[in-house]
Amino acid sequence: MTSTATDLVSDYDFRPDEPEVRLVRVPRADVLRLDSGAYVSEADLNGIVLRHYAFRNEWFKVNITFDRAGEILESSPAPGVTAFALNCGIATPM
């Protein structure tokens, strides 16, 4: 995790099944926690709230989708992709 002058937090993520390292940049205002133990961000995508968790000493990351009322909600990240409410992926630690 790094922070830039443009007030974005960068989350780098190596996944063995992908050819390149993922880079996700999140506005600092959407970061709920960023410390030596964990990173939590939240993004509202047209009424679907995606919360992302990453951990300092763990080789996984977790994503959970909610509606704006806080109820867990199944959603599809793209057409033709299986909907999910919770996913856990193998990933590098923070």
PDB file of N, CA and C in Angstrom:
ATOM      1  N   MET A   1       0.837  -1.168   0.000  1.00  0.00           N
ATOM      2  CA  MET A   1       0.000   0.000   0.000  1.00  0.00           C
ATOM      3  C   MET A   1       0.881   1.229   0.000  1.00  0.00           C
ATOM      4  N   THR A   2       0.571   2.152  -0.887  1.00  0.00           N
ATOM      5  CA  THR A   2       1.284   3.414  -0.906  1.00  0.00           C
ATOM      6  C   THR A   2       0.287   4.543  -1.089  1.00  0.00           C
ATOM      7  N   SER A   3       0.657   5.724  -0.648  1.00  0.00           N
ATOM      8  CA  SER A   3      -0.173   6.899  -0.828  1.00  0.00           C
ATOM      9  C   SER A   3       0.568   7.862  -1.749  1.00  0.00           C
ATOM     10  N   THR A   4      -0.146   8.537  -2.618  1.00  0.00           N
ATOM     11  CA  THR A   4       0.479   9.449  -3.567  1.00  0.00           C
ATOM     12  C   THR A   4       0.052  10.882  -3.282  1.00  0.00           C
ATOM     13  N   ALA A   5       0.692  11.799  -3.939  1.00  0.00           N
ATOM     14  CA  ALA A   5       0.383  13.210  -3.764  1.00  0.00           C
ATOM     15  C   ALA A   5      -1.030  13.540  -4.218  1.00  0.00           C
ATOM     16  N   THR A   6      -1.621  12.718  -5.072  1.00  0.00           N
ATOM     17  CA  THR A   6      -2.978  12.974  -5.552  1.00  0.00           C
ATOM     18  C   THR A   6      -4.027  12.456  -4.582  1.00  0.00           C
ATOM     19  N   ASP A   7      -3.606  12.068  -3.399  1.00  0.00           N
ATOM     20  CA  ASP A   7      -4.484  11.591  -2.341  1.00  0.00           C
ATOM     21  C   ASP A   7      -5.209  10.294  -2.707  1.00  0.00           C
ATOM     22  N   LEU A   8      -4.488   9.413  -3.392  1.00  0.00           N
ATOM     23  CA  LEU A   8      -4.986   8.079  -3.701  1.00  0.00           C
ATOM     24  C   LEU A   8      -4.153   7.060  -2.941  1.00  0.00           C
ATOM     25  N   VAL A   9      -4.770   5.969  -2.567  1.00  0.00           N
ATOM     26  CA  VAL A   9      -4.055   4.854  -1.958  1.00  0.00           C
ATOM     27  C   VAL A   9      -3.953   3.766  -3.015  1.00  0.00           C
ATOM     28  N   SER A  10      -2.740   3.250  -3.226  1.00  0.00           N
ATOM     29  CA  SER A  10      -2.496   2.231  -4.241  1.00  0.00           C
ATOM     30  C   SER A  10      -2.383   0.870  -3.587  1.00  0.00           C
ATOM     31  N   ASP A  11      -3.124  -0.079  -4.110  1.00  0.00           N
ATOM     32  CA  ASP A  11      -3.109  -1.464  -3.628  1.00  0.00           C
ATOM     33  C   ASP A  11      -2.552  -2.320  -4.759  1.00  0.00           C
ATOM     34  N   TYR A  12      -1.353  -2.857  -4.561  1.00  0.00           N
ATOM     35  CA  TYR A  12      -0.713  -3.733  -5.549  1.00  0.00           C
ATOM     36  C   TYR A  12      -1.023  -5.170  -5.175  1.00  0.00           C
ATOM     37  N   ASP A  13      -1.327  -5.981  -6.166  1.00  0.00           N
ATOM     38  CA  ASP A  13      -1.788  -7.325  -5.876  1.00  0.00           C
ATOM     39  C   ASP A  13      -1.276  -8.299  -6.936  1.00  0.00           C
ATOM     40  N   PHE A  14      -0.362  -9.186  -6.550  1.00  0.00           N
ATOM     41  CA  PHE A  14       0.100 -10.231  -7.453  1.00  0.00           C
ATOM     42  C   PHE A  14      -0.791 -11.446  -7.303  1.00  0.00           C
ATOM     43  N   ARG A  15      -1.303 -11.931  -8.411  1.00  0.00           N
ATOM     44  CA  ARG A  15      -2.105 -13.157  -8.429  1.00  0.00           C
ATOM     45  C   ARG A  15      -1.446 -14.109  -9.410  1.00  0.00           C
ATOM     46  N   PRO A  16      -1.141 -15.325  -8.963  1.00  0.00           N
ATOM     47  CA  PRO A  16      -0.390 -16.266  -9.801  1.00  0.00           C
ATOM     48  C   PRO A  16      -1.052 -16.586 -11.139  1.00  0.00           C
ATOM     49  N   ASP A  17      -2.358 -16.483 -11.225  1.00  0.00           N
ATOM     50  CA  ASP A  17      -3.051 -16.839 -12.471  1.00  0.00           C
ATOM     51  C   ASP A  17      -3.209 -15.656 -13.432  1.00  0.00           C
ATOM     52  N   GLU A  18      -2.627 -14.492 -13.097  1.00  0.00           N
ATOM     53  CA  GLU A  18      -2.721 -13.332 -13.969  1.00  0.00           C
ATOM     54  C   GLU A  18      -1.325 -12.912 -14.428  1.00  0.00           C
ATOM     55  N   PRO A  19      -1.189 -12.451 -15.669  1.00  0.00           N
ATOM     56  CA  PRO A  19       0.141 -12.142 -16.214  1.00  0.00           C
ATOM     57  C   PRO A  19       0.793 -10.891 -15.622  1.00  0.00           C
ATOM     58  N   GLU A  20       0.002  -9.984 -15.046  1.00  0.00           N
ATOM     59  CA  GLU A  20       0.563  -8.739 -14.523  1.00  0.00           C
ATOM     60  C   GLU A  20       0.056  -8.468 -13.117  1.00  0.00           C
ATOM     61  N   VAL A  21       0.810  -7.671 -12.388  1.00  0.00           N
ATOM     62  CA  VAL A  21       0.409  -7.253 -11.045  1.00  0.00           C
ATOM     63  C   VAL A  21      -0.762  -6.288 -11.179  1.00  0.00           C
ATOM     64  N   ARG A  22      -1.810  -6.513 -10.390  1.00  0.00           N
ATOM     65  CA  ARG A  22      -2.954  -5.605 -10.385  1.00  0.00           C
ATOM     66  C   ARG A  22      -2.599  -4.349  -9.601  1.00  0.00           C
ATOM     67  N   LEU A  23      -3.069  -3.217 -10.070  1.00  0.00           N
ATOM     68  CA  LEU A  23      -2.943  -1.964  -9.342  1.00  0.00           C
ATOM     69  C   LEU A  23      -4.330  -1.362  -9.225  1.00  0.00           C
ATOM     70  N   VAL A  24      -4.799  -1.205  -7.994  1.00  0.00           N
ATOM     71  CA  VAL A  24      -6.091  -0.578  -7.735  1.00  0.00           C
ATOM     72  C   VAL A  24      -5.810   0.690  -6.945  1.00  0.00           C
ATOM     73  N   ARG A  25      -6.267   1.822  -7.463  1.00  0.00           N
ATOM     74  CA  ARG A  25      -6.062   3.104  -6.792  1.00  0.00           C
ATOM     75  C   ARG A  25      -7.391   3.589  -6.253  1.00  0.00           C
ATOM     76  N   VAL A  26      -7.414   3.885  -4.964  1.00  0.00           N
ATOM     77  CA  VAL A  26      -8.642   4.248  -4.261  1.00  0.00           C
ATOM     78  C   VAL A  26      -8.467   5.627  -3.626  1.00  0.00           C
ATOM     79  N   PRO A  27      -9.442   6.527  -3.776  1.00  0.00           N
ATOM     80  CA  PRO A  27      -9.349   7.815  -3.086  1.00  0.00           C
ATOM     81  C   PRO A  27      -9.244   7.601  -1.569  1.00  0.00           C
ATOM     82  N   ARG A  28      -8.381   8.376  -0.927  1.00  0.00           N
ATOM     83  CA  ARG A  28      -8.187   8.232   0.518  1.00  0.00           C
ATOM     84  C   ARG A  28      -9.517   8.360   1.267  1.00  0.00           C
ATOM     85  N   ALA A  29     -10.449   9.151   0.770  1.00  0.00           N
ATOM     86  CA  ALA A  29     -11.749   9.305   1.422  1.00  0.00           C
ATOM     87  C   ALA A  29     -12.512   7.989   1.503  1.00  0.00           C
ATOM     88  N   ASP A  30     -12.201   7.030   0.614  1.00  0.00           N
ATOM     89  CA  ASP A  30     -12.882   5.735   0.602  1.00  0.00           C
ATOM     90  C   ASP A  30     -12.146   4.671   1.410  1.00  0.00           C
ATOM     91  N   VAL A  31     -11.049   5.052   2.058  1.00  0.00           N
ATOM     92  CA  VAL A  31     -10.275   4.116   2.877  1.00  0.00           C
ATOM     93  C   VAL A  31     -10.777   4.199   4.313  1.00  0.00           C
ATOM     94  N   LEU A  32     -11.285   3.084   4.822  1.00  0.00           N
ATOM     95  CA  LEU A  32     -11.818   3.036   6.180  1.00  0.00           C
ATOM     96  C   LEU A  32     -10.740   2.738   7.210  1.00  0.00           C
ATOM     97  N   ARG A  33      -9.709   1.996   6.789  1.00  0.00           N
ATOM     98  CA  ARG A  33      -8.604   1.656   7.686  1.00  0.00           C
ATOM     99  C   ARG A  33      -7.344   1.442   6.853  1.00  0.00           C
ATOM    100  N   LEU A  34      -6.254   2.023   7.318  1.00  0.00           N
ATOM    101  CA  LEU A  34      -4.952   1.811   6.701  1.00  0.00           C
ATOM    102  C   LEU A  34      -3.911   1.983   7.793  1.00  0.00           C
ATOM    103  N   ASP A  35      -3.413   0.847   8.270  1.00  0.00           N
ATOM    104  CA  ASP A  35      -2.380   0.872   9.299  1.00  0.00           C
ATOM    105  C   ASP A  35      -1.466  -0.322   9.090  1.00  0.00           C
ATOM    106  N   SER A  36      -0.599  -0.590  10.041  1.00  0.00           N
ATOM    107  CA  SER A  36       0.372  -1.665   9.858  1.00  0.00           C
ATOM    108  C   SER A  36      -0.250  -3.056   9.867  1.00  0.00           C
ATOM    109  N   GLY A  37      -1.510  -3.190  10.251  1.00  0.00           N
ATOM    110  CA  GLY A  37      -2.139  -4.498  10.309  1.00  0.00           C
ATOM    111  C   GLY A  37      -3.121  -4.813   9.202  1.00  0.00           C
ATOM    112  N   ALA A  38      -3.797  -3.776   8.693  1.00  0.00           N
ATOM    113  CA  ALA A  38      -4.856  -4.054   7.720  1.00  0.00           C
ATOM    114  C   ALA A  38      -5.164  -2.827   6.871  1.00  0.00           C
ATOM    115  N   TYR A  39      -5.799  -3.111   5.735  1.00  0.00           N
ATOM    116  CA  TYR A  39      -6.290  -2.089   4.814  1.00  0.00           C
ATOM    117  C   TYR A  39      -7.728  -2.446   4.488  1.00  0.00           C
ATOM    118  N   VAL A  40      -8.622  -1.474   4.660  1.00  0.00           N
ATOM    119  CA  VAL A  40     -10.037  -1.678   4.333  1.00  0.00           C
ATOM    120  C   VAL A  40     -10.494  -0.467   3.531  1.00  0.00           C
ATOM    121  N   SER A  41     -11.068  -0.739   2.361  1.00  0.00           N
ATOM    122  CA  SER A  41     -11.628   0.351   1.564  1.00  0.00           C
ATOM    123  C   SER A  41     -13.058   0.004   1.192  1.00  0.00           C
ATOM    124  N   GLU A  42     -13.793   1.037   0.799  1.00  0.00           N
ATOM    125  CA  GLU A  42     -15.189   0.835   0.442  1.00  0.00           C
ATOM    126  C   GLU A  42     -15.515   1.740  -0.735  1.00  0.00           C
ATOM    127  N   ALA A  43     -16.185   1.183  -1.730  1.00  0.00           N
ATOM    128  CA  ALA A  43     -16.586   1.953  -2.910  1.00  0.00           C
ATOM    129  C   ALA A  43     -18.056   1.708  -3.190  1.00  0.00           C
ATOM    130  N   ASP A  44     -18.789   2.779  -3.468  1.00  0.00           N
ATOM    131  CA  ASP A  44     -20.196   2.683  -3.851  1.00  0.00           C
ATOM    132  C   ASP A  44     -20.268   2.704  -5.366  1.00  0.00           C
ATOM    133  N   LEU A  45     -20.706   1.586  -5.942  1.00  0.00           N
ATOM    134  CA  LEU A  45     -20.792   1.437  -7.385  1.00  0.00           C
ATOM    135  C   LEU A  45     -22.257   1.374  -7.784  1.00  0.00           C
ATOM    136  N   ASN A  46     -22.886   2.534  -7.900  1.00  0.00           N
ATOM    137  CA  ASN A  46     -24.303   2.629  -8.276  1.00  0.00           C
ATOM    138  C   ASN A  46     -25.211   1.835  -7.351  1.00  0.00           C
ATOM    139  N   GLY A  47     -25.031   2.004  -6.052  1.00  0.00           N
ATOM    140  CA  GLY A  47     -25.891   1.346  -5.076  1.00  0.00           C
ATOM    141  C   GLY A  47     -25.370   0.030  -4.559  1.00  0.00           C
ATOM    142  N   ILE A  48     -24.323  -0.491  -5.180  1.00  0.00           N
ATOM    143  CA  ILE A  48     -23.677  -1.703  -4.681  1.00  0.00           C
ATOM    144  C   ILE A  48     -22.388  -1.260  -3.993  1.00  0.00           C
ATOM    145  N   VAL A  49     -22.287  -1.573  -2.710  1.00  0.00           N
ATOM    146  CA  VAL A  49     -21.122  -1.161  -1.929  1.00  0.00           C
ATOM    147  C   VAL A  49     -20.145  -2.328  -1.874  1.00  0.00           C
ATOM    148  N   LEU A  50     -18.931  -2.105  -2.366  1.00  0.00           N
ATOM    149  CA  LEU A  50     -17.885  -3.119  -2.345  1.00  0.00           C
ATOM    150  C   LEU A  50     -16.905  -2.770  -1.240  1.00  0.00           C
ATOM    151  N   ARG A  51     -16.756  -3.667  -0.284  1.00  0.00           N
ATOM    152  CA  ARG A  51     -15.769  -3.481   0.786  1.00  0.00           C
ATOM    153  C   ARG A  51     -14.636  -4.471   0.557  1.00  0.00           C
ATOM    154  N   HIS A  52     -13.412  -3.957   0.598  1.00  0.00           N
ATOM    155  CA  HIS A  52     -12.209  -4.735   0.298  1.00  0.00           C
ATOM    156  C   HIS A  52     -11.324  -4.777   1.540  1.00  0.00           C
ATOM    157  N   TYR A  53     -10.870  -5.978   1.916  1.00  0.00           N
ATOM    158  CA  TYR A  53     -10.014  -6.169   3.079  1.00  0.00           C
ATOM    159  C   TYR A  53      -8.693  -6.798   2.641  1.00  0.00           C
ATOM    160  N   ALA A  54      -7.576  -6.240   3.124  1.00  0.00           N
ATOM    161  CA  ALA A  54      -6.243  -6.816   2.910  1.00  0.00           C
ATOM    162  C   ALA A  54      -5.532  -6.791   4.262  1.00  0.00           C
ATOM    163  N   PHE A  55      -4.603  -7.739   4.446  1.00  0.00           N
ATOM    164  CA  PHE A  55      -3.986  -7.896   5.758  1.00  0.00           C
ATOM    165  C   PHE A  55      -2.464  -7.961   5.645  1.00  0.00           C
ATOM    166  N   ARG A  56      -1.796  -7.482   6.669  1.00  0.00           N
ATOM    167  CA  ARG A  56      -0.337  -7.400   6.654  1.00  0.00           C
ATOM    168  C   ARG A  56       0.328  -8.762   6.541  1.00  0.00           C
ATOM    169  N   ASN A  57      -0.121  -9.730   7.293  1.00  0.00           N
ATOM    170  CA  ASN A  57       0.569 -11.020   7.382  1.00  0.00           C
ATOM    171  C   ASN A  57      -0.209 -12.181   6.771  1.00  0.00           C
ATOM    172  N   GLU A  58      -1.178 -11.889   5.934  1.00  0.00           N
ATOM    173  CA  GLU A  58      -2.014 -12.953   5.366  1.00  0.00           C
ATOM    174  C   GLU A  58      -1.881 -12.987   3.849  1.00  0.00           C
ATOM    175  N   TRP A  59      -1.968 -14.184   3.294  1.00  0.00           N
ATOM    176  CA  TRP A  59      -1.860 -14.384   1.846  1.00  0.00           C
ATOM    177  C   TRP A  59      -3.240 -14.491   1.191  1.00  0.00           C
ATOM    178  N   PHE A  60      -4.166 -13.658   1.640  1.00  0.00           N
ATOM    179  CA  PHE A  60      -5.486 -13.603   1.023  1.00  0.00           C
ATOM    180  C   PHE A  60      -6.067 -12.208   1.196  1.00  0.00           C
ATOM    181  N   LYS A  61      -7.034 -11.900   0.349  1.00  0.00           N
ATOM    182  CA  LYS A  61      -7.810 -10.673   0.438  1.00  0.00           C
ATOM    183  C   LYS A  61      -9.275 -11.061   0.335  1.00  0.00           C
ATOM    184  N   VAL A  62     -10.136 -10.232   0.922  1.00  0.00           N
ATOM    185  CA  VAL A  62     -11.562 -10.526   0.962  1.00  0.00           C
ATOM    186  C   VAL A  62     -12.333  -9.340   0.390  1.00  0.00           C
ATOM    187  N   ASN A  63     -13.334  -9.638  -0.429  1.00  0.00           N
ATOM    188  CA  ASN A  63     -14.268  -8.629  -0.932  1.00  0.00           C
ATOM    189  C   ASN A  63     -15.675  -9.037  -0.540  1.00  0.00           C
ATOM    190  N   ILE A  64     -16.470  -8.072  -0.090  1.00  0.00           N
ATOM    191  CA  ILE A  64     -17.862  -8.319   0.277  1.00  0.00           C
ATOM    192  C   ILE A  64     -18.704  -7.218  -0.362  1.00  0.00           C
ATOM    193  N   THR A  65     -19.865  -7.585  -0.925  1.00  0.00           N
ATOM    194  CA  THR A  65     -20.767  -6.586  -1.488  1.00  0.00           C
ATOM    195  C   THR A  65     -22.015  -6.460  -0.628  1.00  0.00           C
ATOM    196  N   PHE A  66     -22.458  -5.202  -0.480  1.00  0.00           N
ATOM    197  CA  PHE A  66     -23.637  -4.855   0.319  1.00  0.00           C
ATOM    198  C   PHE A  66     -24.521  -3.925  -0.502  1.00  0.00           C
ATOM    199  N   ASP A  67     -25.784  -3.789  -0.060  1.00  0.00           N
ATOM    200  CA  ASP A  67     -26.582  -2.688  -0.577  1.00  0.00           C
ATOM    201  C   ASP A  67     -26.323  -1.486   0.333  1.00  0.00           C
ATOM    202  N   ARG A  68     -26.893  -0.348   0.009  1.00  0.00           N
ATOM    203  CA  ARG A  68     -26.624   0.864   0.807  1.00  0.00           C
ATOM    204  C   ARG A  68     -27.174   0.782   2.227  1.00  0.00           C
ATOM    205  N   ALA A  69     -28.105  -0.130   2.476  1.00  0.00           N
ATOM    206  CA  ALA A  69     -28.646  -0.311   3.825  1.00  0.00           C
ATOM    207  C   ALA A  69     -27.764  -1.228   4.675  1.00  0.00           C
ATOM    208  N   GLY A  70     -26.722  -1.802   4.069  1.00  0.00           N
ATOM    209  CA  GLY A  70     -25.810  -2.661   4.816  1.00  0.00           C
ATOM    210  C   GLY A  70     -26.126  -4.139   4.752  1.00  0.00           C
ATOM    211  N   GLU A  71     -27.098  -4.519   3.934  1.00  0.00           N
ATOM    212  CA  GLU A  71     -27.442  -5.934   3.769  1.00  0.00           C
ATOM    213  C   GLU A  71     -26.511  -6.556   2.726  1.00  0.00           C
ATOM    214  N   ILE A  72     -26.008  -7.756   3.012  1.00  0.00           N
ATOM    215  CA  ILE A  72     -25.148  -8.452   2.055  1.00  0.00           C
ATOM    216  C   ILE A  72     -25.931  -8.694   0.767  1.00  0.00           C
ATOM    217  N   LEU A  73     -25.284  -8.453  -0.372  1.00  0.00           N
ATOM    218  CA  LEU A  73     -25.947  -8.474  -1.667  1.00  0.00           C
ATOM    219  C   LEU A  73     -25.091  -9.214  -2.680  1.00  0.00           C
ATOM    220  N   GLU A  74     -25.671 -10.172  -3.387  1.00  0.00           N
ATOM    221  CA  GLU A  74     -24.949 -10.815  -4.487  1.00  0.00           C
ATOM    222  C   GLU A  74     -24.936  -9.873  -5.675  1.00  0.00           C
ATOM    223  N   SER A  75     -23.757  -9.742  -6.304  1.00  0.00           N
ATOM    224  CA  SER A  75     -23.649  -8.909  -7.492  1.00  0.00           C
ATOM    225  C   SER A  75     -22.601  -9.501  -8.416  1.00  0.00           C
ATOM    226  N   SER A  76     -22.688  -9.125  -9.683  1.00  0.00           N
ATOM    227  CA  SER A  76     -21.726  -9.588 -10.675  1.00  0.00           C
ATOM    228  C   SER A  76     -20.814  -8.423 -11.048  1.00  0.00           C
ATOM    229  N   PRO A  77     -19.495  -8.613 -11.022  1.00  0.00           N
ATOM    230  CA  PRO A  77     -18.592  -7.519 -11.364  1.00  0.00           C
ATOM    231  C   PRO A  77     -18.610  -7.136 -12.843  1.00  0.00           C
ATOM    232  N   ALA A  78     -19.123  -8.027 -13.685  1.00  0.00           N
ATOM    233  CA  ALA A  78     -19.197  -7.752 -15.128  1.00  0.00           C
ATOM    234  C   ALA A  78     -20.210  -8.697 -15.751  1.00  0.00           C
ATOM    235  N   PRO A  79     -20.782  -8.324 -16.889  1.00  0.00           N
ATOM    236  CA  PRO A  79     -21.720  -9.225 -17.560  1.00  0.00           C
ATOM    237  C   PRO A  79     -21.063 -10.572 -17.858  1.00  0.00           C
ATOM    238  N   GLY A  80     -21.796 -11.638 -17.590  1.00  0.00           N
ATOM    239  CA  GLY A  80     -21.292 -12.979 -17.860  1.00  0.00           C
ATOM    240  C   GLY A  80     -20.424 -13.555 -16.754  1.00  0.00           C
ATOM    241  N   VAL A  81     -20.158 -12.767 -15.703  1.00  0.00           N
ATOM    242  CA  VAL A  81     -19.354 -13.236 -14.573  1.00  0.00           C
ATOM    243  C   VAL A  81     -20.299 -13.644 -13.452  1.00  0.00           C
ATOM    244  N   THR A  82     -20.020 -14.774 -12.820  1.00  0.00           N
ATOM    245  CA  THR A  82     -20.874 -15.280 -11.750  1.00  0.00           C
ATOM    246  C   THR A  82     -21.004 -14.263 -10.627  1.00  0.00           C
ATOM    247  N   ALA A  83     -22.222 -14.053 -10.164  1.00  0.00           N
ATOM    248  CA  ALA A  83     -22.484 -13.122  -9.061  1.00  0.00           C
ATOM    249  C   ALA A  83     -21.928 -13.681  -7.762  1.00  0.00           C
ATOM    250  N   PHE A  84     -21.506 -12.791  -6.884  1.00  0.00           N
ATOM    251  CA  PHE A  84     -21.025 -13.200  -5.570  1.00  0.00           C
ATOM    252  C   PHE A  84     -21.357 -12.126  -4.550  1.00  0.00           C
ATOM    253  N   ALA A  85     -21.395 -12.501  -3.288  1.00  0.00           N
ATOM    254  CA  ALA A  85     -21.535 -11.549  -2.191  1.00  0.00           C
ATOM    255  C   ALA A  85     -20.233 -11.478  -1.417  1.00  0.00           C
ATOM    256  N   LEU A  86     -19.471 -12.580  -1.433  1.00  0.00           N
ATOM    257  CA  LEU A  86     -18.215 -12.666  -0.713  1.00  0.00           C
ATOM    258  C   LEU A  86     -17.235 -13.438  -1.565  1.00  0.00           C
ATOM    259  N   ASN A  87     -16.040 -12.904  -1.715  1.00  0.00           N
ATOM    260  CA  ASN A  87     -15.003 -13.699  -2.362  1.00  0.00           C
ATOM    261  C   ASN A  87     -13.704 -13.528  -1.611  1.00  0.00           C
ATOM    262  N   CYS A  88     -12.931 -14.563  -1.622  1.00  0.00           N
ATOM    263  CA  CYS A  88     -11.644 -14.589  -0.944  1.00  0.00           C
ATOM    264  C   CYS A  88     -10.632 -15.105  -1.942  1.00  0.00           C
ATOM    265  N   GLY A  89      -9.604 -14.314  -2.198  1.00  0.00           N
ATOM    266  CA  GLY A  89      -8.617 -14.709  -3.176  1.00  0.00           C
ATOM    267  C   GLY A  89      -7.218 -14.810  -2.583  1.00  0.00           C
ATOM    268  N   ILE A  90      -6.440 -15.712  -3.110  1.00  0.00           N
ATOM    269  CA  ILE A  90      -5.043 -15.810  -2.726  1.00  0.00           C
ATOM    270  C   ILE A  90      -4.351 -14.572  -3.292  1.00  0.00           C
ATOM    271  N   ALA A  91      -3.594 -13.884  -2.455  1.00  0.00           N
ATOM    272  CA  ALA A  91      -2.928 -12.657  -2.871  1.00  0.00           C
ATOM    273  C   ALA A  91      -1.731 -12.400  -1.961  1.00  0.00           C
ATOM    274  N   THR A  92      -0.869 -11.509  -2.381  1.00  0.00           N
ATOM    275  CA  THR A  92       0.291 -11.164  -1.563  1.00  0.00           C
ATOM    276  C   THR A  92      -0.148 -10.364  -0.331  1.00  0.00           C
ATOM    277  N   PRO A  93       0.597 -10.499   0.776  1.00  0.00           N
ATOM    278  CA  PRO A  93       0.304  -9.642   1.926  1.00  0.00           C
ATOM    279  C   PRO A  93       0.555  -8.168   1.589  1.00  0.00           C
ATOM    280  N   MET A  94       0.057  -7.275   2.413  1.00  0.00           N
ATOM    281  CA  MET A  94       0.278  -5.835   2.204  1.00  0.00           C
ATOM    282  C   MET A  94       1.763  -5.534   2.185  1.00  0.00           C
TER     283      MET A  94
END
